[in-house]
């Protein structure tokens, strides 16, 4: 166990895992707890949030599971109120949610556009809107958002609304970072590249196992390192940005992609 987030109260959204294995949010929640934080593990699925909280407590850490739809202001309010009632402060917020719906600029429906932007972008706006006043009153805090390299480069995969939502998230991060720098509130964003996570494999769940492994090998070959990243790669980046080691870093886009965008 470490001390890099000792006695900090951290909210991690998207803290569950879709499917078996370790996802980005779960890895971050576990790592935060191992470094001394009390973690509020938030997920749309109650069982997924509880599984992460249980994994933390099994290691001797402190965690609370909360089921919530972070695209809804009422649910965000409940997350923040519950955290403050239990712990009295919020030191770290890790916004880790993200969904994709296939479609290009013509085929994407208005409903799909709205849903993707609600989950990927509006949720972060709502969370920041709710926690920033408390961070101001307590003298500071750290916000770490999760974006994608798809926000800064063209991709042949037609996830138009995903790409645009994550690009907007990058600039939301900059705006908050600059506006609240004097209040000691830092806001940074991680741009993930190709990661081998249960979330990725969920999209391939209806395909034969051999085809899934072939696709994952293809994704490995796309990466200059010859392999995809793991959830722990993103989690370690998040831990750094959430910790006092990054106290002079705000508004940064930390690319974690094994050189994919070079």
Protein backbone atom coordinates (compact mmCIF):
# COMPACT_ATOMS: atom_id res chain seq x y z
CA UNK A 1 0.00 0.00 0.00
CA UNK A 2 1.22 3.50 -0.85
CA UNK A 3 0.49 7.01 0.39
CA UNK A 4 0.26 9.14 -2.75
CA UNK A 5 -3.46 9.78 -2.13
CA UNK A 6 -3.39 9.28 1.63
CA UNK A 7 -6.66 10.39 3.28
CA UNK A 8 -8.05 11.76 0.00
CA UNK A 9 -11.70 11.25 -0.93
CA UNK A 10 -11.99 10.21 -4.58
CA UNK A 11 -15.05 9.76 -6.79
CA UNK A 12 -14.46 7.41 -9.73
CA UNK A 13 -17.22 7.20 -12.33
CA UNK A 14 -17.39 4.21 -14.65
CA UNK A 15 -15.71 2.26 -11.87
CA UNK A 16 -17.28 -1.05 -12.80
CA UNK A 17 -16.32 -3.48 -15.52
CA UNK A 18 -18.46 -4.45 -18.48
CA UNK A 19 -17.83 -8.17 -18.59
CA UNK A 20 -15.14 -10.14 -16.83
CA UNK A 21 -11.67 -8.80 -16.20
CA UNK A 22 -10.21 -5.41 -15.37
CA UNK A 23 -11.52 -2.20 -16.94
CA UNK A 24 -10.03 1.29 -16.93
CA UNK A 25 -12.27 2.61 -14.18
CA UNK A 26 -11.91 -0.40 -11.91
CA UNK A 27 -8.12 -0.31 -12.24
CA UNK A 28 -8.06 3.38 -11.33
CA UNK A 29 -10.36 2.84 -8.35
CA UNK A 30 -8.20 -0.01 -7.04
CA UNK A 31 -4.98 1.94 -7.55
CA UNK A 32 -6.37 5.05 -5.85
CA UNK A 33 -7.39 2.93 -2.84
CA UNK A 34 -4.00 1.21 -2.71
CA UNK A 35 -2.45 4.66 -2.46
CA UNK A 36 -4.58 5.63 0.53
CA UNK A 37 -7.74 7.14 -0.96
CA UNK A 38 -11.27 6.41 0.15
CA UNK A 39 -13.03 5.63 -3.13
CA UNK A 40 -16.64 6.26 -4.10
CA UNK A 41 -17.06 3.73 -6.92
CA UNK A 42 -19.82 4.85 -9.29
CA UNK A 43 -21.28 2.77 -12.08
CA UNK A 44 -24.55 2.50 -13.99
CA UNK A 45 -24.79 -1.13 -12.90
CA UNK A 46 -25.10 -1.59 -9.14
CA UNK A 47 -23.45 -5.02 -9.20
CA UNK A 48 -20.47 -3.66 -11.13
CA UNK A 49 -20.00 -0.78 -8.68
CA UNK A 50 -20.29 -3.18 -5.75
CA UNK A 51 -17.78 -5.61 -7.26
CA UNK A 52 -15.19 -2.83 -7.46
CA UNK A 53 -15.91 -1.64 -3.92
CA UNK A 54 -15.70 -5.23 -2.65
CA UNK A 55 -12.36 -5.72 -4.40
CA UNK A 56 -11.04 -2.62 -2.65
CA UNK A 57 -12.24 -3.62 0.80
CA UNK A 58 -10.89 -7.15 0.29
CA UNK A 59 -7.45 -5.55 0.02
CA UNK A 60 -8.00 -3.57 3.21
CA UNK A 61 -9.02 -0.34 1.49
CA UNK A 62 -12.05 1.90 1.97
CA UNK A 63 -14.80 2.15 -0.64
CA UNK A 64 -18.46 2.91 -1.17
CA UNK A 65 -20.46 1.62 -4.16
CA UNK A 66 -23.02 3.94 -5.79
CA UNK A 67 -25.24 3.05 -8.74
CA UNK A 68 -26.02 6.08 -10.89
CA UNK A 69 -26.61 7.36 -14.41
CA UNK A 70 -24.04 10.14 -14.60
CA UNK A 71 -25.80 11.76 -17.55
CA UNK A 72 -28.60 12.78 -15.13
CA UNK A 73 -28.20 15.84 -12.90
CA UNK A 74 -30.28 14.23 -10.14
CA UNK A 75 -27.94 11.24 -10.01
CA UNK A 76 -24.85 13.45 -9.96
CA UNK A 77 -26.35 15.40 -7.09
CA UNK A 78 -26.96 12.18 -5.20
CA UNK A 79 -23.36 11.03 -5.74
CA UNK A 80 -21.96 14.33 -4.46
CA UNK A 81 -24.38 14.60 -1.53
CA UNK A 82 -23.70 11.01 -0.46
CA UNK A 83 -19.95 11.57 -0.61
CA UNK A 84 -20.13 14.77 1.42
CA UNK A 85 -22.47 13.23 4.00
CA UNK A 86 -20.13 10.29 4.50
CA UNK A 87 -16.76 12.01 4.21
CA UNK A 88 -17.20 15.79 4.34
CA UNK A 89 -15.06 16.61 1.31
CA UNK A 90 -14.20 15.65 -2.28
CA UNK A 91 -10.52 15.79 -3.19
CA UNK A 92 -10.40 13.89 -6.48
CA UNK A 93 -12.89 13.28 -9.27
CA UNK A 94 -12.01 10.80 -12.00
CA UNK A 95 -14.50 11.07 -14.88
CA UNK A 96 -14.08 7.76 -16.67
CA UNK A 97 -17.35 7.12 -18.49
CA UNK A 98 -17.63 6.64 -22.25
CA UNK A 99 -19.83 4.93 -24.80
CA UNK A 100 -19.70 4.51 -28.57
CA UNK A 101 -22.50 4.14 -31.09
CA UNK A 102 -21.48 3.44 -34.68
CA UNK A 103 -22.35 6.04 -37.30
CA UNK A 104 -20.81 8.64 -39.60
CA UNK A 105 -21.98 12.26 -40.02
CA UNK A 106 -24.86 11.17 -42.26
CA UNK A 107 -25.97 7.89 -40.69
CA UNK A 108 -25.75 8.97 -37.04
CA UNK A 109 -29.24 9.57 -35.69
CA UNK A 110 -30.12 12.56 -33.55
CA UNK A 111 -31.02 10.20 -30.72
CA UNK A 112 -27.63 8.44 -30.86
CA UNK A 113 -25.79 11.78 -31.06
CA UNK A 114 -27.61 13.05 -27.97
CA UNK A 115 -27.06 9.86 -25.99
CA UNK A 116 -23.32 9.67 -26.68
CA UNK A 117 -22.78 13.33 -25.86
CA UNK A 118 -24.90 13.04 -22.72
CA UNK A 119 -22.79 10.18 -21.38
CA UNK A 120 -19.36 11.28 -22.60
CA UNK A 121 -19.57 15.05 -22.21
CA UNK A 122 -22.65 16.23 -20.32
CA UNK A 123 -21.80 13.87 -17.45
CA UNK A 124 -18.44 15.59 -16.95
CA UNK A 125 -20.05 19.03 -17.12
CA UNK A 126 -22.62 17.99 -14.51
CA UNK A 127 -20.00 16.48 -12.21
CA UNK A 128 -17.73 19.51 -12.45
CA UNK A 129 -20.68 21.85 -11.91
CA UNK A 130 -21.55 19.95 -8.73
CA UNK A 131 -18.09 19.46 -7.20
CA UNK A 132 -16.22 22.65 -8.08
CA UNK A 133 -18.01 24.83 -5.48
CA UNK A 134 -17.07 22.32 -2.77
CA UNK A 135 -13.48 22.15 -4.00
CA UNK A 136 -13.32 25.95 -3.92
CA UNK A 137 -14.52 26.04 -0.32
CA UNK A 138 -12.07 23.37 0.84
CA UNK A 139 -9.11 25.00 -0.91
CA UNK A 140 -8.61 22.86 -4.00
CA UNK A 141 -8.96 19.51 -5.69
CA UNK A 142 -8.02 17.46 -8.73
CA UNK A 143 -10.24 16.54 -11.67
CA UNK A 144 -8.99 13.88 -14.07
CA UNK A 145 -11.01 13.25 -17.23
CA UNK A 146 -10.64 10.35 -19.65
CA UNK A 147 -10.67 11.05 -23.36
CA UNK A 148 -9.28 9.19 -26.37
CA UNK A 149 -6.73 9.69 -29.11
CA UNK A 150 -9.80 9.55 -31.38
CA UNK A 151 -10.37 13.13 -30.19
CA UNK A 152 -7.28 14.40 -32.00
CA UNK A 153 -7.02 12.22 -35.10
CA UNK A 154 -9.21 10.77 -37.82
CA UNK A 155 -10.21 7.15 -37.43
CA UNK A 156 -11.55 4.79 -40.09
CA UNK A 157 -13.91 3.37 -37.47
CA UNK A 158 -17.20 5.30 -37.82
CA UNK A 159 -17.84 6.52 -34.29
CA UNK A 160 -18.55 10.11 -35.25
CA UNK A 161 -20.41 11.14 -32.10
CA UNK A 162 -17.81 9.49 -29.87
CA UNK A 163 -14.97 11.35 -31.56
CA UNK A 164 -16.68 14.73 -31.32
CA UNK A 165 -17.73 14.25 -27.71
CA UNK A 166 -14.20 13.40 -26.66
CA UNK A 167 -12.76 16.35 -28.61
CA UNK A 168 -15.13 18.65 -26.73
CA UNK A 169 -14.09 17.02 -23.47
CA UNK A 170 -10.48 18.03 -24.13
CA UNK A 171 -11.44 21.69 -24.40
CA UNK A 172 -13.81 21.51 -21.43
CA UNK A 173 -10.75 20.39 -19.49
CA UNK A 174 -8.70 23.38 -20.63
CA UNK A 175 -11.44 25.87 -19.80
CA UNK A 176 -11.92 24.54 -16.28
CA UNK A 177 -8.18 24.30 -15.71
CA UNK A 178 -7.62 27.95 -16.60
CA UNK A 179 -10.66 29.36 -14.84
CA UNK A 180 -9.99 27.62 -11.52
CA UNK A 181 -6.19 27.54 -11.41
CA UNK A 182 -6.08 30.32 -8.82
CA UNK A 183 -8.44 28.29 -6.62
CA UNK A 184 -5.98 25.37 -6.61
CA UNK A 185 -8.34 23.20 -8.64
CA UNK A 186 -6.44 21.25 -11.26
CA UNK A 187 -8.13 19.68 -14.28
CA UNK A 188 -6.34 17.37 -16.69
CA UNK A 189 -7.35 14.87 -19.34
CA UNK A 190 -5.92 11.49 -20.37
CA UNK A 191 -6.09 10.51 -24.05
CA UNK A 192 -6.11 6.73 -24.22
CA UNK A 193 -5.05 4.79 -27.27
CA UNK A 194 -5.88 1.18 -28.02
CA UNK A 195 -6.49 -0.65 -24.75
CA UNK A 196 -7.19 -4.33 -24.18
CA UNK A 197 -10.21 -4.11 -21.89
CA UNK A 198 -13.45 -6.01 -21.31
CA UNK A 199 -15.25 -3.02 -22.83
CA UNK A 200 -13.56 -3.63 -26.18
CA UNK A 201 -14.23 -7.36 -26.05
CA UNK A 202 -17.89 -6.75 -25.21
CA UNK A 203 -18.39 -5.29 -28.67
CA UNK A 204 -17.09 -8.56 -30.13
CA UNK A 205 -19.05 -10.87 -27.83
CA UNK A 206 -21.25 -12.28 -30.61
CA UNK A 207 -18.27 -13.33 -32.71
CA UNK A 208 -16.46 -16.69 -32.50
CA UNK A 209 -13.57 -16.77 -30.03
CA UNK A 210 -11.05 -17.29 -32.83
CA UNK A 211 -12.28 -14.17 -34.63
CA UNK A 212 -12.11 -12.15 -31.42
CA UNK A 213 -8.50 -13.13 -30.83
CA UNK A 214 -7.68 -12.37 -34.46
CA UNK A 215 -9.14 -8.88 -34.02
CA UNK A 216 -7.16 -8.32 -30.83
CA UNK A 217 -3.95 -9.40 -32.57
CA UNK A 218 -4.75 -6.93 -35.34
CA UNK A 219 -5.21 -4.17 -32.76
CA UNK A 220 -1.84 -5.12 -31.27
CA UNK A 221 -0.18 -4.72 -34.67
CA UNK A 222 -1.65 -1.24 -35.10
CA UNK A 223 0.31 -0.09 -32.06
CA UNK A 224 3.96 0.95 -32.56
CA UNK A 225 4.88 -0.98 -29.42
CA UNK A 226 3.37 -4.12 -30.91
CA UNK A 227 0.77 -4.42 -28.20
CA UNK A 228 -2.24 -2.62 -26.80
CA UNK A 229 -2.18 -0.93 -23.45
CA UNK A 230 -3.74 -2.40 -20.32
CA UNK A 231 -6.21 -0.74 -17.93
CA UNK A 232 -3.32 -0.27 -15.51
CA UNK A 233 -1.54 2.03 -17.97
CA UNK A 234 -4.40 4.49 -17.86
CA UNK A 235 -4.81 4.01 -14.10
CA UNK A 236 -1.19 4.92 -13.37
CA UNK A 237 -1.56 8.07 -15.48
CA UNK A 238 -4.71 8.97 -13.55
CA UNK A 239 -2.99 8.37 -10.22
CA UNK A 240 -0.15 10.69 -11.19
CA UNK A 241 -2.50 13.48 -12.27
CA UNK A 242 -4.64 13.06 -9.15
CA UNK A 243 -1.66 13.15 -6.80
CA UNK A 244 0.39 16.04 -5.47
CA UNK A 245 3.20 14.93 -7.75
CA UNK A 246 1.25 16.75 -10.48
CA UNK A 247 0.53 19.82 -8.36
CA UNK A 248 1.97 22.15 -11.02
CA UNK A 249 0.19 20.46 -13.93
CA UNK A 250 -3.22 21.63 -15.11
CA UNK A 251 -4.94 21.76 -18.47
CA UNK A 252 -2.67 19.01 -19.79
CA UNK A 253 -3.55 16.35 -22.35
CA UNK A 254 -1.61 13.27 -21.32
CA UNK A 255 -1.48 10.86 -24.24
CA UNK A 256 -1.28 7.19 -23.21
CA UNK A 257 -1.16 5.33 -26.50
CA UNK A 258 2.17 3.55 -26.97
CA UNK A 259 3.10 5.96 -29.77
CA UNK A 260 -0.04 5.42 -31.86
CA UNK A 261 -0.45 9.13 -32.63
CA UNK A 262 3.18 9.74 -33.58
